[in-house]
């Protein structure tokens, strides 16, 4: 048992002492030299692409020279058609499938 305690104490001392022992005393010149070596060994940054001057306008919000596009003739028509198709599908499902399952 004492052998196990001695080994555990030795491992604990190593765990505490190893990081302290690994750190060498550094001066400001050493740190500056390390930083300069790190900066000079780093690869140069790649070229940056020029800015893209094209602006996408998928919705048509950009107005050129004060000319506005004509408004839609039937705003919301696609929404109404979609709602109607959903209601029609629901009614057909109730009629053809017999409504909610009744066990």
PDB file of N, CA and C in Angstrom:
ATOM      1  N   UNK A   1       0.821  -1.191   0.000  1.00  0.00           N
ATOM      2  CA  UNK A   1       0.000   0.000   0.000  1.00  0.00           C
ATOM      3  C   UNK A   1       0.865   1.255   0.000  1.00  0.00           C
ATOM      4  N   UNK A   2       1.967   1.225   0.762  1.00  0.00           N
ATOM      5  CA  UNK A   2       2.835   2.399   0.806  1.00  0.00           C
ATOM      6  C   UNK A   2       3.506   2.622  -0.543  1.00  0.00           C
ATOM      7  N   UNK A   3       3.762   1.520  -1.246  1.00  0.00           N
ATOM      8  CA  UNK A   3       4.367   1.660  -2.574  1.00  0.00           C
ATOM      9  C   UNK A   3       3.397   2.385  -3.508  1.00  0.00           C
ATOM     10  N   UNK A   4       2.117   2.040  -3.433  1.00  0.00           N
ATOM     11  CA  UNK A   4       1.104   2.691  -4.259  1.00  0.00           C
ATOM     12  C   UNK A   4       0.988   4.172  -3.904  1.00  0.00           C
ATOM     13  N   UNK A   5       1.048   4.494  -2.620  1.00  0.00           N
ATOM     14  CA  UNK A   5       0.988   5.894  -2.194  1.00  0.00           C
ATOM     15  C   UNK A   5       2.206   6.672  -2.677  1.00  0.00           C
ATOM     16  N   UNK A   6       3.399   6.044  -2.616  1.00  0.00           N
ATOM     17  CA  UNK A   6       4.612   6.718  -3.104  1.00  0.00           C
ATOM     18  C   UNK A   6       4.518   6.979  -4.607  1.00  0.00           C
ATOM     19  N   UNK A   7       4.000   6.005  -5.353  1.00  0.00           N
ATOM     20  CA  UNK A   7       3.867   6.189  -6.804  1.00  0.00           C
ATOM     21  C   UNK A   7       2.835   7.280  -7.119  1.00  0.00           C
ATOM     22  N   UNK A   8       1.748   7.295  -6.371  1.00  0.00           N
ATOM     23  CA  UNK A   8       0.733   8.324  -6.597  1.00  0.00           C
ATOM     24  C   UNK A   8       1.277   9.709  -6.261  1.00  0.00           C
ATOM     25  N   UNK A   9       2.060   9.803  -5.202  1.00  0.00           N
ATOM     26  CA  UNK A   9       2.661  11.081  -4.836  1.00  0.00           C
ATOM     27  C   UNK A   9       3.659  11.520  -5.896  1.00  0.00           C
ATOM     28  N   UNK A  10       4.437  10.579  -6.435  1.00  0.00           N
ATOM     29  CA  UNK A  10       5.412  10.896  -7.478  1.00  0.00           C
ATOM     30  C   UNK A  10       4.698  11.410  -8.738  1.00  0.00           C
ATOM     31  N   UNK A  11       3.605  10.767  -9.106  1.00  0.00           N
ATOM     32  CA  UNK A  11       2.843  11.196 -10.284  1.00  0.00           C
ATOM     33  C   UNK A  11       2.249  12.582 -10.038  1.00  0.00           C
ATOM     34  N   UNK A  12       1.766  12.839  -8.839  1.00  0.00           N
ATOM     35  CA  UNK A  12       1.205  14.153  -8.528  1.00  0.00           C
ATOM     36  C   UNK A  12       2.269  15.239  -8.596  1.00  0.00           C
ATOM     37  N   UNK A  13       3.472  14.943  -8.071  1.00  0.00           N
ATOM     38  CA  UNK A  13       4.566  15.913  -8.129  1.00  0.00           C
ATOM     39  C   UNK A  13       4.951  16.178  -9.577  1.00  0.00           C
ATOM     40  N   UNK A  14       5.008  15.133 -10.400  1.00  0.00           N
ATOM     41  CA  UNK A  14       5.334  15.325 -11.820  1.00  0.00           C
ATOM     42  C   UNK A  14       4.250  16.147 -12.526  1.00  0.00           C
ATOM     43  N   UNK A  15       3.003  15.887 -12.186  1.00  0.00           N
ATOM     44  CA  UNK A  15       1.911  16.620 -12.831  1.00  0.00           C
ATOM     45  C   UNK A  15       1.972  18.105 -12.515  1.00  0.00           C
ATOM     46  N   UNK A  16       2.439  18.443 -11.325  1.00  0.00           N
ATOM     47  CA  UNK A  16       2.551  19.844 -10.943  1.00  0.00           C
ATOM     48  C   UNK A  16       3.842  20.449 -11.466  1.00  0.00           C
ATOM     49  N   UNK A  17       4.935  19.705 -11.419  1.00  0.00           N
ATOM     50  CA  UNK A  17       6.243  20.265 -11.747  1.00  0.00           C
ATOM     51  C   UNK A  17       6.525  20.303 -13.245  1.00  0.00           C
ATOM     52  N   UNK A  18       5.969  19.379 -14.011  1.00  0.00           N
ATOM     53  CA  UNK A  18       6.303  19.304 -15.441  1.00  0.00           C
ATOM     54  C   UNK A  18       5.926  20.575 -16.199  1.00  0.00           C
ATOM     55  N   UNK A  19       4.726  21.128 -16.034  1.00  0.00           N
ATOM     56  CA  UNK A  19       4.421  22.356 -16.778  1.00  0.00           C
ATOM     57  C   UNK A  19       5.309  23.532 -16.359  1.00  0.00           C
ATOM     58  N   UNK A  20       5.629  23.603 -15.077  1.00  0.00           N
ATOM     59  CA  UNK A  20       6.480  24.701 -14.606  1.00  0.00           C
ATOM     60  C   UNK A  20       7.886  24.541 -15.154  1.00  0.00           C
ATOM     61  N   UNK A  21       8.376  23.318 -15.181  1.00  0.00           N
ATOM     62  CA  UNK A  21       9.732  23.052 -15.645  1.00  0.00           C
ATOM     63  C   UNK A  21       9.839  23.285 -17.157  1.00  0.00           C
ATOM     64  N   UNK A  22       8.731  23.018 -17.902  1.00  0.00           N
ATOM     65  CA  UNK A  22       8.748  23.155 -19.357  1.00  0.00           C
ATOM     66  C   UNK A  22       8.803  24.614 -19.793  1.00  0.00           C
ATOM     67  N   UNK A  23       8.379  25.525 -18.941  1.00  0.00           N
ATOM     68  CA  UNK A  23       8.387  26.934 -19.321  1.00  0.00           C
ATOM     69  C   UNK A  23       9.782  27.512 -19.084  1.00  0.00           C
ATOM     70  N   UNK A  24      10.401  27.905 -20.164  1.00  0.00           N
ATOM     71  CA  UNK A  24      11.723  28.531 -20.048  1.00  0.00           C
ATOM     72  C   UNK A  24      11.522  30.017 -19.798  1.00  0.00           C
ATOM     73  N   UNK A  25      12.435  30.642 -19.075  1.00  0.00           N
ATOM     74  CA  UNK A  25      12.293  32.084 -18.866  1.00  0.00           C
ATOM     75  C   UNK A  25      12.409  32.818 -20.204  1.00  0.00           C
ATOM     76  N   UNK A  26      11.465  33.705 -20.473  1.00  0.00           N
ATOM     77  CA  UNK A  26      11.415  34.432 -21.746  1.00  0.00           C
ATOM     78  C   UNK A  26      11.618  35.911 -21.491  1.00  0.00           C
ATOM     79  N   UNK A  27      12.376  36.512 -22.364  1.00  0.00           N
ATOM     80  CA  UNK A  27      12.546  37.957 -22.310  1.00  0.00           C
ATOM     81  C   UNK A  27      11.657  38.578 -23.389  1.00  0.00           C
ATOM     82  N   UNK A  28      11.542  39.875 -23.368  1.00  0.00           N
ATOM     83  CA  UNK A  28      10.734  40.560 -24.374  1.00  0.00           C
ATOM     84  C   UNK A  28      11.315  40.349 -25.768  1.00  0.00           C
ATOM     85  N   UNK A  29      12.636  40.288 -25.863  1.00  0.00           N
ATOM     86  CA  UNK A  29      13.266  40.065 -27.171  1.00  0.00           C
ATOM     87  C   UNK A  29      12.932  38.686 -27.715  1.00  0.00           C
ATOM     88  N   UNK A  30      12.910  37.681 -26.813  1.00  0.00           N
ATOM     89  CA  UNK A  30      12.556  36.330 -27.256  1.00  0.00           C
ATOM     90  C   UNK A  30      11.121  36.288 -27.779  1.00  0.00           C
ATOM     91  N   UNK A  31      10.217  36.931 -27.064  1.00  0.00           N
ATOM     92  CA  UNK A  31       8.824  36.953 -27.502  1.00  0.00           C
ATOM     93  C   UNK A  31       8.662  37.689 -28.825  1.00  0.00           C
ATOM     94  N   UNK A  32       9.378  38.807 -28.984  1.00  0.00           N
ATOM     95  CA  UNK A  32       9.318  39.543 -30.249  1.00  0.00           C
ATOM     96  C   UNK A  32       9.859  38.701 -31.395  1.00  0.00           C
ATOM     97  N   UNK A  33      10.925  37.983 -31.157  1.00  0.00           N
ATOM     98  CA  UNK A  33      11.521  37.130 -32.186  1.00  0.00           C
ATOM     99  C   UNK A  33      10.539  36.021 -32.577  1.00  0.00           C
ATOM    100  N   UNK A  34       9.891  35.429 -31.584  1.00  0.00           N
ATOM    101  CA  UNK A  34       8.900  34.393 -31.883  1.00  0.00           C
ATOM    102  C   UNK A  34       7.751  34.957 -32.722  1.00  0.00           C
ATOM    103  N   UNK A  35       7.281  36.130 -32.370  1.00  0.00           N
ATOM    104  CA  UNK A  35       6.173  36.725 -33.111  1.00  0.00           C
ATOM    105  C   UNK A  35       6.594  37.070 -34.537  1.00  0.00           C
ATOM    106  N   UNK A  36       7.783  37.605 -34.716  1.00  0.00           N
ATOM    107  CA  UNK A  36       8.267  37.912 -36.071  1.00  0.00           C
ATOM    108  C   UNK A  36       8.433  36.644 -36.893  1.00  0.00           C
ATOM    109  N   UNK A  37       8.919  35.584 -36.288  1.00  0.00           N
ATOM    110  CA  UNK A  37       9.045  34.317 -37.017  1.00  0.00           C
ATOM    111  C   UNK A  37       7.669  33.785 -37.409  1.00  0.00           C
ATOM    112  N   UNK A  38       6.702  33.937 -36.523  1.00  0.00           N
ATOM    113  CA  UNK A  38       5.355  33.469 -36.831  1.00  0.00           C
ATOM    114  C   UNK A  38       4.761  34.270 -37.992  1.00  0.00           C
ATOM    115  N   UNK A  39       4.988  35.583 -37.987  1.00  0.00           N
ATOM    116  CA  UNK A  39       4.424  36.422 -39.049  1.00  0.00           C
ATOM    117  C   UNK A  39       5.107  36.201 -40.386  1.00  0.00           C
ATOM    118  N   UNK A  40       6.410  35.997 -40.378  1.00  0.00           N
ATOM    119  CA  UNK A  40       7.110  35.815 -41.649  1.00  0.00           C
ATOM    120  C   UNK A  40       6.893  34.434 -42.229  1.00  0.00           C
ATOM    121  N   UNK A  41       6.591  33.461 -41.390  1.00  0.00           N
ATOM    122  CA  UNK A  41       6.373  32.112 -41.915  1.00  0.00           C
ATOM    123  C   UNK A  41       4.930  31.891 -42.335  1.00  0.00           C
ATOM    124  N   UNK A  42       4.033  32.807 -42.006  1.00  0.00           N
ATOM    125  CA  UNK A  42       2.623  32.665 -42.388  1.00  0.00           C
ATOM    126  C   UNK A  42       2.495  32.930 -43.885  1.00  0.00           C
ATOM    127  N   UNK A  43       1.613  32.180 -44.566  1.00  0.00           N
ATOM    128  CA  UNK A  43       1.426  32.422 -45.999  1.00  0.00           C
ATOM    129  C   UNK A  43       0.765  33.777 -46.235  1.00  0.00           C
ATOM    130  N   UNK A  44       1.087  34.367 -47.365  1.00  0.00           N
ATOM    131  CA  UNK A  44       0.519  35.669 -47.713  1.00  0.00           C
ATOM    132  C   UNK A  44      -0.976  35.507 -47.989  1.00  0.00           C
ATOM    133  N   UNK A  45      -1.783  36.476 -47.620  1.00  0.00           N
ATOM    134  CA  UNK A  45      -3.221  36.360 -47.891  1.00  0.00           C
ATOM    135  C   UNK A  45      -3.484  36.383 -49.390  1.00  0.00           C
ATOM    136  N   UNK A  46      -4.525  35.693 -49.791  1.00  0.00           N
ATOM    137  CA  UNK A  46      -4.880  35.639 -51.207  1.00  0.00           C
ATOM    138  C   UNK A  46      -5.401  36.975 -51.697  1.00  0.00           C
ATOM    139  N   UNK A  47      -5.504  37.094 -53.017  1.00  0.00           N
ATOM    140  CA  UNK A  47      -6.025  38.332 -53.586  1.00  0.00           C
ATOM    141  C   UNK A  47      -7.514  38.422 -53.313  1.00  0.00           C
ATOM    142  N   UNK A  48      -7.965  39.616 -53.064  1.00  0.00           N
ATOM    143  CA  UNK A  48      -9.374  39.845 -52.806  1.00  0.00           C
ATOM    144  C   UNK A  48     -10.046  40.216 -54.124  1.00  0.00           C
ATOM    145  N   UNK A  49     -11.163  39.573 -54.393  1.00  0.00           N
ATOM    146  CA  UNK A  49     -11.874  39.829 -55.641  1.00  0.00           C
ATOM    147  C   UNK A  49     -12.469  41.236 -55.607  1.00  0.00           C
ATOM    148  N   UNK A  50     -12.529  41.891 -56.757  1.00  0.00           N
ATOM    149  CA  UNK A  50     -13.144  43.217 -56.789  1.00  0.00           C
ATOM    150  C   UNK A  50     -14.621  43.112 -56.448  1.00  0.00           C
ATOM    151  N   UNK A  51     -15.199  44.179 -55.932  1.00  0.00           N
ATOM    152  CA  UNK A  51     -16.619  44.111 -55.561  1.00  0.00           C
ATOM    153  C   UNK A  51     -17.498  43.907 -56.788  1.00  0.00           C
ATOM    154  N   UNK A  52     -18.542  43.168 -56.599  1.00  0.00           N
ATOM    155  CA  UNK A  52     -19.475  42.892 -57.674  1.00  0.00           C
ATOM    156  C   UNK A  52     -20.453  44.067 -57.761  1.00  0.00           C
ATOM    157  N   UNK A  53     -20.486  44.735 -58.897  1.00  0.00           N
ATOM    158  CA  UNK A  53     -21.338  45.908 -59.054  1.00  0.00           C
ATOM    159  C   UNK A  53     -22.756  45.549 -59.462  1.00  0.00           C
ATOM    160  N   UNK A  54     -22.993  44.295 -59.778  1.00  0.00           N
ATOM    161  CA  UNK A  54     -24.326  43.864 -60.177  1.00  0.00           C
ATOM    162  C   UNK A  54     -25.168  43.645 -58.934  1.00  0.00           C
ATOM    163  N   UNK A  55     -26.337  44.250 -58.915  1.00  0.00           N
ATOM    164  CA  UNK A  55     -27.250  44.098 -57.794  1.00  0.00           C
ATOM    165  C   UNK A  55     -28.468  43.332 -58.293  1.00  0.00           C
ATOM    166  N   UNK A  56     -28.693  42.181 -57.719  1.00  0.00           N
ATOM    167  CA  UNK A  56     -29.843  41.388 -58.131  1.00  0.00           C
ATOM    168  C   UNK A  56     -31.119  42.030 -57.587  1.00  0.00           C
ATOM    169  N   UNK A  57     -32.146  42.028 -58.395  1.00  0.00           N
ATOM    170  CA  UNK A  57     -33.426  42.602 -57.990  1.00  0.00           C
ATOM    171  C   UNK A  57     -34.543  41.629 -58.378  1.00  0.00           C
ATOM    172  N   UNK A  58     -34.657  40.515 -57.656  1.00  0.00           N
ATOM    173  CA  UNK A  58     -35.647  39.517 -58.061  1.00  0.00           C
ATOM    174  C   UNK A  58     -37.087  39.965 -57.853  1.00  0.00           C
ATOM    175  N   UNK A  59     -37.323  40.913 -56.968  1.00  0.00           N
ATOM    176  CA  UNK A  59     -38.688  41.316 -56.664  1.00  0.00           C
ATOM    177  C   UNK A  59     -39.101  42.539 -57.476  1.00  0.00           C
ATOM    178  N   UNK A  60     -38.152  43.286 -57.990  1.00  0.00           N
ATOM    179  CA  UNK A  60     -38.464  44.472 -58.773  1.00  0.00           C
ATOM    180  C   UNK A  60     -38.646  45.709 -57.923  1.00  0.00           C
ATOM    181  N   UNK A  61     -37.885  45.809 -56.830  1.00  0.00           N
ATOM    182  CA  UNK A  61     -38.019  46.963 -55.951  1.00  0.00           C
ATOM    183  C   UNK A  61     -37.166  48.139 -56.394  1.00  0.00           C
ATOM    184  N   UNK A  62     -36.149  47.873 -57.202  1.00  0.00           N
ATOM    185  CA  UNK A  62     -35.264  48.951 -57.642  1.00  0.00           C
ATOM    186  C   UNK A  62     -35.933  49.677 -58.811  1.00  0.00           C
ATOM    187  N   UNK A  63     -36.009  50.993 -58.719  1.00  0.00           N
ATOM    188  CA  UNK A  63     -36.638  51.802 -59.751  1.00  0.00           C
ATOM    189  C   UNK A  63     -35.544  52.597 -60.449  1.00  0.00           C
ATOM    190  N   UNK A  64     -35.427  52.442 -61.763  1.00  0.00           N
ATOM    191  CA  UNK A  64     -34.403  53.145 -62.526  1.00  0.00           C
ATOM    192  C   UNK A  64     -35.012  54.387 -63.165  1.00  0.00           C
ATOM    193  N   UNK A  65     -34.361  55.505 -62.988  1.00  0.00           N
ATOM    194  CA  UNK A  65     -34.746  56.775 -63.611  1.00  0.00           C
ATOM    195  C   UNK A  65     -36.183  57.175 -63.294  1.00  0.00           C
ATOM    196  N   UNK A  66     -36.679  56.806 -62.157  1.00  0.00           N
ATOM    197  CA  UNK A  66     -38.018  57.233 -61.766  1.00  0.00           C
ATOM    198  C   UNK A  66     -39.132  56.521 -62.475  1.00  0.00           C
ATOM    199  N   UNK A  67     -38.830  55.515 -63.282  1.00  0.00           N
ATOM    200  CA  UNK A  67     -39.874  54.782 -64.002  1.00  0.00           C
ATOM    201  C   UNK A  67     -40.286  53.597 -63.132  1.00  0.00           C
ATOM    202  N   UNK A  68     -41.526  53.565 -62.777  1.00  0.00           N
ATOM    203  CA  UNK A  68     -42.020  52.461 -61.951  1.00  0.00           C
ATOM    204  C   UNK A  68     -42.739  51.446 -62.846  1.00  0.00           C
ATOM    205  N   UNK A  69     -42.558  50.187 -62.555  1.00  0.00           N
ATOM    206  CA  UNK A  69     -43.280  49.183 -63.343  1.00  0.00           C
ATOM    207  C   UNK A  69     -44.776  49.247 -63.035  1.00  0.00           C
ATOM    208  N   UNK A  70     -45.563  48.783 -63.965  1.00  0.00           N
ATOM    209  CA  UNK A  70     -47.013  48.797 -63.783  1.00  0.00           C
ATOM    210  C   UNK A  70     -47.379  47.836 -62.655  1.00  0.00           C
ATOM    211  N   UNK A  71     -48.355  48.220 -61.828  1.00  0.00           N
ATOM    212  CA  UNK A  71     -48.760  47.310 -60.754  1.00  0.00           C
ATOM    213  C   UNK A  71     -49.480  46.084 -61.321  1.00  0.00           C
ATOM    214  N   UNK A  72     -49.516  45.049 -60.553  1.00  0.00           N
ATOM    215  CA  UNK A  72     -50.192  43.828 -60.992  1.00  0.00           C
ATOM    216  C   UNK A  72     -51.693  44.084 -61.124  1.00  0.00           C
ATOM    217  N   UNK A  73     -52.328  43.456 -62.118  1.00  0.00           N
ATOM    218  CA  UNK A  73     -53.746  43.698 -62.339  1.00  0.00           C
ATOM    219  C   UNK A  73     -54.605  43.063 -61.261  1.00  0.00           C
ATOM    220  N   UNK A  74     -54.234  41.874 -60.836  1.00  0.00           N
ATOM    221  CA  UNK A  74     -55.006  41.178 -59.815  1.00  0.00           C
ATOM    222  C   UNK A  74     -54.063  40.781 -58.679  1.00  0.00           C
ATOM    223  N   UNK A  75     -53.782  41.723 -57.768  1.00  0.00           N
ATOM    224  CA  UNK A  75     -52.867  41.379 -56.692  1.00  0.00           C
ATOM    225  C   UNK A  75     -53.486  40.329 -55.771  1.00  0.00           C
ATOM    226  N   UNK A  76     -52.672  39.340 -55.416  1.00  0.00           N
ATOM    227  CA  UNK A  76     -53.146  38.295 -54.518  1.00  0.00           C
ATOM    228  C   UNK A  76     -53.913  37.191 -55.201  1.00  0.00           C
ATOM    229  N   UNK A  77     -53.970  37.217 -56.543  1.00  0.00           N
ATOM    230  CA  UNK A  77     -54.744  36.199 -57.255  1.00  0.00           C
ATOM    231  C   UNK A  77     -54.137  34.808 -57.049  1.00  0.00           C
ATOM    232  N   UNK A  78     -52.822  34.708 -57.073  1.00  0.00           N
ATOM    233  CA  UNK A  78     -52.203  33.392 -56.879  1.00  0.00           C
ATOM    234  C   UNK A  78     -52.468  32.865 -55.475  1.00  0.00           C
ATOM    235  N   UNK A  79     -52.506  33.756 -54.504  1.00  0.00           N
ATOM    236  CA  UNK A  79     -52.815  33.326 -53.139  1.00  0.00           C
ATOM    237  C   UNK A  79     -54.238  32.794 -53.062  1.00  0.00           C
ATOM    238  N   UNK A  80     -55.187  33.500 -53.694  1.00  0.00           N
ATOM    239  CA  UNK A  80     -56.577  33.040 -53.677  1.00  0.00           C
ATOM    240  C   UNK A  80     -56.729  31.711 -54.406  1.00  0.00           C
ATOM    241  N   UNK A  81     -56.023  31.557 -55.507  1.00  0.00           N
ATOM    242  CA  UNK A  81     -56.082  30.285 -56.240  1.00  0.00           C
ATOM    243  C   UNK A  81     -55.514  29.156 -55.387  1.00  0.00           C
ATOM    244  N   UNK A  82     -54.416  29.442 -54.679  1.00  0.00           N
ATOM    245  CA  UNK A  82     -53.825  28.418 -53.816  1.00  0.00           C
ATOM    246  C   UNK A  82     -54.741  28.025 -52.677  1.00  0.00           C
ATOM    247  N   UNK A  83     -55.405  29.012 -52.065  1.00  0.00           N
ATOM    248  CA  UNK A  83     -56.341  28.708 -50.980  1.00  0.00           C
ATOM    249  C   UNK A  83     -57.520  27.909 -51.527  1.00  0.00           C
ATOM    250  N   UNK A  84     -58.004  28.297 -52.680  1.00  0.00           N
ATOM    251  CA  UNK A  84     -59.125  27.562 -53.294  1.00  0.00           C
ATOM    252  C   UNK A  84     -58.750  26.130 -53.617  1.00  0.00           C
ATOM    253  N   UNK A  85     -57.524  25.931 -54.121  1.00  0.00           N
ATOM    254  CA  UNK A  85     -57.086  24.573 -54.427  1.00  0.00           C
ATOM    255  C   UNK A  85     -56.963  23.748 -53.148  1.00  0.00           C
ATOM    256  N   UNK A  86     -56.493  24.365 -52.072  1.00  0.00           N
ATOM    257  CA  UNK A  86     -56.386  23.644 -50.803  1.00  0.00           C
ATOM    258  C   UNK A  86     -57.749  23.251 -50.265  1.00  0.00           C
ATOM    259  N   UNK A  87     -58.724  24.163 -50.348  1.00  0.00           N
ATOM    260  CA  UNK A  87     -60.076  23.861 -49.871  1.00  0.00           C
ATOM    261  C   UNK A  87     -60.710  22.779 -50.729  1.00  0.00           C
ATOM    262  N   UNK A  88     -60.515  22.884 -52.050  1.00  0.00           N
ATOM    263  CA  UNK A  88     -61.069  21.877 -52.954  1.00  0.00           C
ATOM    264  C   UNK A  88     -60.473  20.508 -52.661  1.00  0.00           C
ATOM    265  N   UNK A  89     -59.161  20.457 -52.446  1.00  0.00           N
ATOM    266  CA  UNK A  89     -58.523  19.179 -52.123  1.00  0.00           C
ATOM    267  C   UNK A  89     -59.028  18.607 -50.819  1.00  0.00           C
ATOM    268  N   UNK A  90     -59.277  19.456 -49.856  1.00  0.00           N
ATOM    269  CA  UNK A  90     -59.791  18.993 -48.572  1.00  0.00           C
ATOM    270  C   UNK A  90     -61.205  18.442 -48.711  1.00  0.00           C
ATOM    271  N   UNK A  91     -62.024  19.131 -49.472  1.00  0.00           N
ATOM    272  CA  UNK A  91     -63.406  18.657 -49.685  1.00  0.00           C
ATOM    273  C   UNK A  91     -63.401  17.334 -50.432  1.00  0.00           C
ATOM    274  N   UNK A  92     -62.583  17.229 -51.492  1.00  0.00           N
ATOM    275  CA  UNK A  92     -62.506  15.971 -52.233  1.00  0.00           C
ATOM    276  C   UNK A  92     -62.010  14.836 -51.348  1.00  0.00           C
ATOM    277  N   UNK A  93     -61.076  15.132 -50.464  1.00  0.00           N
ATOM    278  CA  UNK A  93     -60.574  14.109 -49.557  1.00  0.00           C
ATOM    279  C   UNK A  93     -61.678  13.648 -48.617  1.00  0.00           C
ATOM    280  N   UNK A  94     -62.500  14.580 -48.147  1.00  0.00           N
ATOM    281  CA  UNK A  94     -63.588  14.213 -47.231  1.00  0.00           C
ATOM    282  C   UNK A  94     -64.616  13.369 -47.966  1.00  0.00           C
ATOM    283  N   UNK A  95     -64.919  13.737 -49.199  1.00  0.00           N
ATOM    284  CA  UNK A  95     -65.960  13.017 -49.963  1.00  0.00           C
ATOM    285  C   UNK A  95     -65.464  11.654 -50.406  1.00  0.00           C
ATOM    286  N   UNK A  96     -64.270  11.616 -51.009  1.00  0.00           N
ATOM    287  CA  UNK A  96     -63.765  10.365 -51.565  1.00  0.00           C
ATOM    288  C   UNK A  96     -63.272   9.394 -50.512  1.00  0.00           C
ATOM    289  N   UNK A  97     -62.616   9.904 -49.483  1.00  0.00           N
ATOM    290  CA  UNK A  97     -62.058   9.013 -48.474  1.00  0.00           C
ATOM    291  C   UNK A  97     -63.028   8.779 -47.328  1.00  0.00           C
ATOM    292  N   UNK A  98     -64.118   9.440 -47.305  1.00  0.00           N
ATOM    293  CA  UNK A  98     -65.105   9.198 -46.268  1.00  0.00           C
ATOM    294  C   UNK A  98     -64.883  10.001 -45.011  1.00  0.00           C
ATOM    295  N   UNK A  99     -64.140  11.043 -45.087  1.00  0.00           N
ATOM    296  CA  UNK A  99     -63.951  11.908 -43.919  1.00  0.00           C
ATOM    297  C   UNK A  99     -62.924  11.331 -42.959  1.00  0.00           C
ATOM    298  N   UNK A 100     -62.930  11.855 -41.752  1.00  0.00           N
ATOM    299  CA  UNK A 100     -61.980  11.339 -40.765  1.00  0.00           C
ATOM    300  C   UNK A 100     -62.280   9.875 -40.475  1.00  0.00           C
ATOM    301  N   UNK A 101     -61.215   9.127 -40.203  1.00  0.00           N
ATOM    302  CA  UNK A 101     -61.391   7.690 -39.972  1.00  0.00           C
ATOM    303  C   UNK A 101     -62.256   7.476 -38.733  1.00  0.00           C
ATOM    304  N   UNK A 102     -63.265   6.676 -38.922  1.00  0.00           N
ATOM    305  CA  UNK A 102     -64.173   6.373 -37.821  1.00  0.00           C
ATOM    306  C   UNK A 102     -64.053   4.895 -37.511  1.00  0.00           C
ATOM    307  N   UNK A 103     -63.440   4.588 -36.391  1.00  0.00           N
ATOM    308  CA  UNK A 103     -63.230   3.182 -36.032  1.00  0.00           C
ATOM    309  C   UNK A 103     -64.358   2.655 -35.215  1.00  0.00           C
TER     310      UNK A 103
END
